[in-house]
Protein backbone atom coordinates (compact mmCIF):
# COMPACT_ATOMS: atom_id res chain seq x y z
CA MET A 1 149.79 96.66 88.08
CA THR A 2 149.80 100.08 90.17
CA ASP A 3 153.74 100.14 89.44
CA ARG A 4 153.21 99.28 85.68
CA VAL A 5 150.31 102.27 85.51
CA ARG A 6 152.43 104.56 87.41
CA ALA A 7 155.47 104.27 84.90
CA ALA A 8 153.45 104.87 82.30
CA CYS A 9 151.68 107.85 83.53
CA LYS A 10 155.31 108.61 84.20
CA VAL A 11 156.38 108.39 80.27
CA LEU A 12 152.93 110.10 79.06
CA ASP A 13 153.16 113.13 81.72
CA ALA A 14 156.87 113.78 79.74
CA LYS A 15 155.04 114.44 76.04
CA GLY A 16 152.22 116.48 78.07
CA THR A 17 149.07 116.00 79.27
CA PHE A 18 147.24 112.21 79.03
CA SER A 19 144.20 110.32 79.31
CA CYS A 20 143.39 106.48 81.14
CA LYS A 21 142.61 105.46 76.92
CA ASP A 22 146.26 106.86 76.78
CA VAL A 23 147.34 105.13 79.63
CA VAL A 24 145.77 101.61 78.05
CA TYR A 25 147.09 101.53 75.02
CA HIS A 26 150.63 102.59 76.32
CA ILE A 27 150.20 99.70 78.71
CA ASP A 28 148.55 97.06 75.91
CA PRO A 29 147.27 94.72 77.93
CA ALA A 30 146.19 91.50 76.06
CA ASP A 31 142.46 90.78 77.31
CA SER A 32 139.36 93.09 78.56
CA ARG A 33 140.53 92.13 81.77
CA GLY A 34 143.85 93.42 81.57
CA GLU A 35 141.94 96.90 80.92
CA LEU A 36 140.06 96.67 83.68
CA ASN A 37 142.87 96.16 85.82
CA VAL A 38 144.68 99.03 83.94
CA ARG A 39 141.04 101.21 84.18
CA ARG A 40 141.43 100.49 88.15
CA ALA A 41 144.85 101.04 89.32
CA PHE A 42 144.77 104.47 87.20
CA GLN A 43 141.60 105.52 89.25
CA ASP A 44 143.74 104.48 92.21
CA ILE A 45 146.25 106.72 91.47
CA CYS A 46 143.86 109.26 90.59
CA ASP A 47 142.36 109.05 93.94
CA ARG A 48 145.50 108.96 95.71
CA GLY A 49 145.89 112.75 94.32
CA GLU A 50 149.29 111.49 91.99
CA LEU A 51 147.05 112.53 88.98
CA VAL A 52 145.91 115.77 88.68
CA ARG A 53 142.96 116.68 86.47
CA ILE A 54 143.52 119.11 83.65
CA GLY A 55 140.83 118.96 81.70
CA ARG A 56 138.26 116.39 80.17
CA ALA A 57 140.09 113.21 80.27
CA LYS A 58 143.32 115.39 80.69
CA TYR A 59 145.75 114.17 83.64
CA ARG A 60 149.39 115.08 84.61
CA HIS A 61 151.48 113.14 87.36
CA ILE A 62 152.81 114.48 90.14
CA GLU A 63 155.95 112.78 91.24
CA GLY A 64 155.88 113.98 94.81
CA ARG A 65 152.64 112.64 95.76
CA ALA A 66 153.43 108.85 95.32
CA PRO A 67 153.11 106.85 98.28
CA THR A 68 156.60 106.75 100.56
CA ALA A 69 155.80 103.82 102.59
CA ASP A 70 155.39 100.20 101.24
CA VAL A 71 152.12 98.78 101.78
CA ARG A 72 153.72 95.36 102.29
CA GLN A 73 156.20 96.68 104.73
CA ARG A 74 152.82 98.23 107.11
CA ILE A 75 151.18 95.17 106.61
CA TYR A 76 154.18 92.93 107.86
CA ARG A 77 154.17 95.72 110.96
CA ALA A 78 150.89 95.54 111.80
CA MET A 79 151.07 91.60 112.01
CA HIS A 80 153.70 91.63 114.46
CA VAL A 81 152.52 94.33 116.74
CA LYS A 82 148.67 92.68 116.49
CA GLY A 83 149.88 88.92 117.50
CA VAL A 84 146.74 87.32 117.06
CA PHE A 85 144.93 89.02 113.79
CA CYS A 86 142.17 88.40 111.07
CA ALA A 87 142.56 90.06 107.83
CA ALA A 88 139.92 93.05 108.80
CA ASP A 89 142.07 93.68 111.52
CA ILE A 90 145.14 93.97 109.23
CA VAL A 91 142.94 96.23 106.65
CA LYS A 92 142.12 98.78 109.44
CA LEU A 93 145.38 99.29 110.36
CA THR A 94 146.92 99.28 107.18
CA GLU A 95 144.33 101.04 105.23
CA ALA A 96 145.39 98.39 102.39
CA ASP A 97 142.94 96.67 100.15
CA GLN A 98 141.24 93.75 101.24
CA SER A 99 142.23 91.16 98.70
CA TYR A 100 146.12 92.32 98.85
CA VAL A 101 146.40 91.81 102.74
CA SER A 102 144.81 88.03 102.48
CA ALA A 103 147.15 87.52 99.70
CA VAL A 104 150.10 88.35 101.80
CA ILE A 105 148.37 86.50 104.81
CA ARG A 106 148.26 83.47 102.27
CA ARG A 107 150.86 83.36 100.87
CA LEU A 108 153.12 83.69 104.71
CA ALA A 109 150.82 80.77 105.92
CA ARG A 110 151.88 78.55 102.95
CA THR A 111 155.59 79.43 103.87
CA GLY A 112 154.52 78.92 108.05
CA ASP A 113 155.55 82.27 109.40
CA LEU A 114 151.86 82.49 110.28
CA GLU A 115 149.77 79.88 111.51
CA LEU A 116 145.76 79.48 111.90
CA THR A 117 144.46 79.65 115.15
CA GLY A 118 140.89 79.17 114.57
CA ARG A 119 137.80 80.71 113.09
CA THR A 120 135.06 82.90 114.18
CA GLY A 121 132.04 82.73 111.90
CA LYS A 122 133.44 82.97 108.51
CA THR A 123 136.32 85.01 109.34
CA LYS A 124 140.02 83.16 109.85
CA ARG A 125 142.54 84.02 113.07
CA PHE A 126 146.00 83.56 112.78
CA ARG A 127 149.11 84.74 114.42
CA VAL A 128 152.73 85.00 114.14
CA ARG A 129 153.99 81.67 114.21
CA HIS A 130 157.84 82.92 115.72
CA ALA A 131 157.93 86.54 116.06
CA ASP A 132 161.63 87.46 116.54
CA LYS A 133 162.45 85.03 113.53
CA PHE A 134 159.44 87.03 111.52
CA TYR A 135 160.84 90.29 112.83
CA LEU A 136 164.22 89.92 111.53
CA GLU A 137 163.16 88.41 108.04
CA HIS A 138 160.16 90.76 107.63
CA VAL A 139 159.86 93.51 109.52
CA LYS A 140 163.47 95.23 110.17
């Protein structure tokens, strides 16, 4: 969703200043949940500094401030380095969202790249099953 909002901001920036409502109309989500997701992504982009507030509900997009490192790559690298981890450990190392890290962990566990080593209270602990294979497929 963030990529869609970023693309909409670039298009609207070419026309001049824009507001969050303009971005929502440009993307045109089908339901109210979609609109809420667009607004959250818009706020995230503002917090990162990619959008500059010009006036009341008026923004400009600054191209050079987009994040350079891929979040997924940082997560993979942190998993490889850490060895045994829980989702909170990866969040601390990568500064990614908890929900996104958990989704990546679930996907990797489903494909067999990660294995569940146990639980500590409510937190699940995982480890990289084959470190060399994981490095070649995901990190490198």
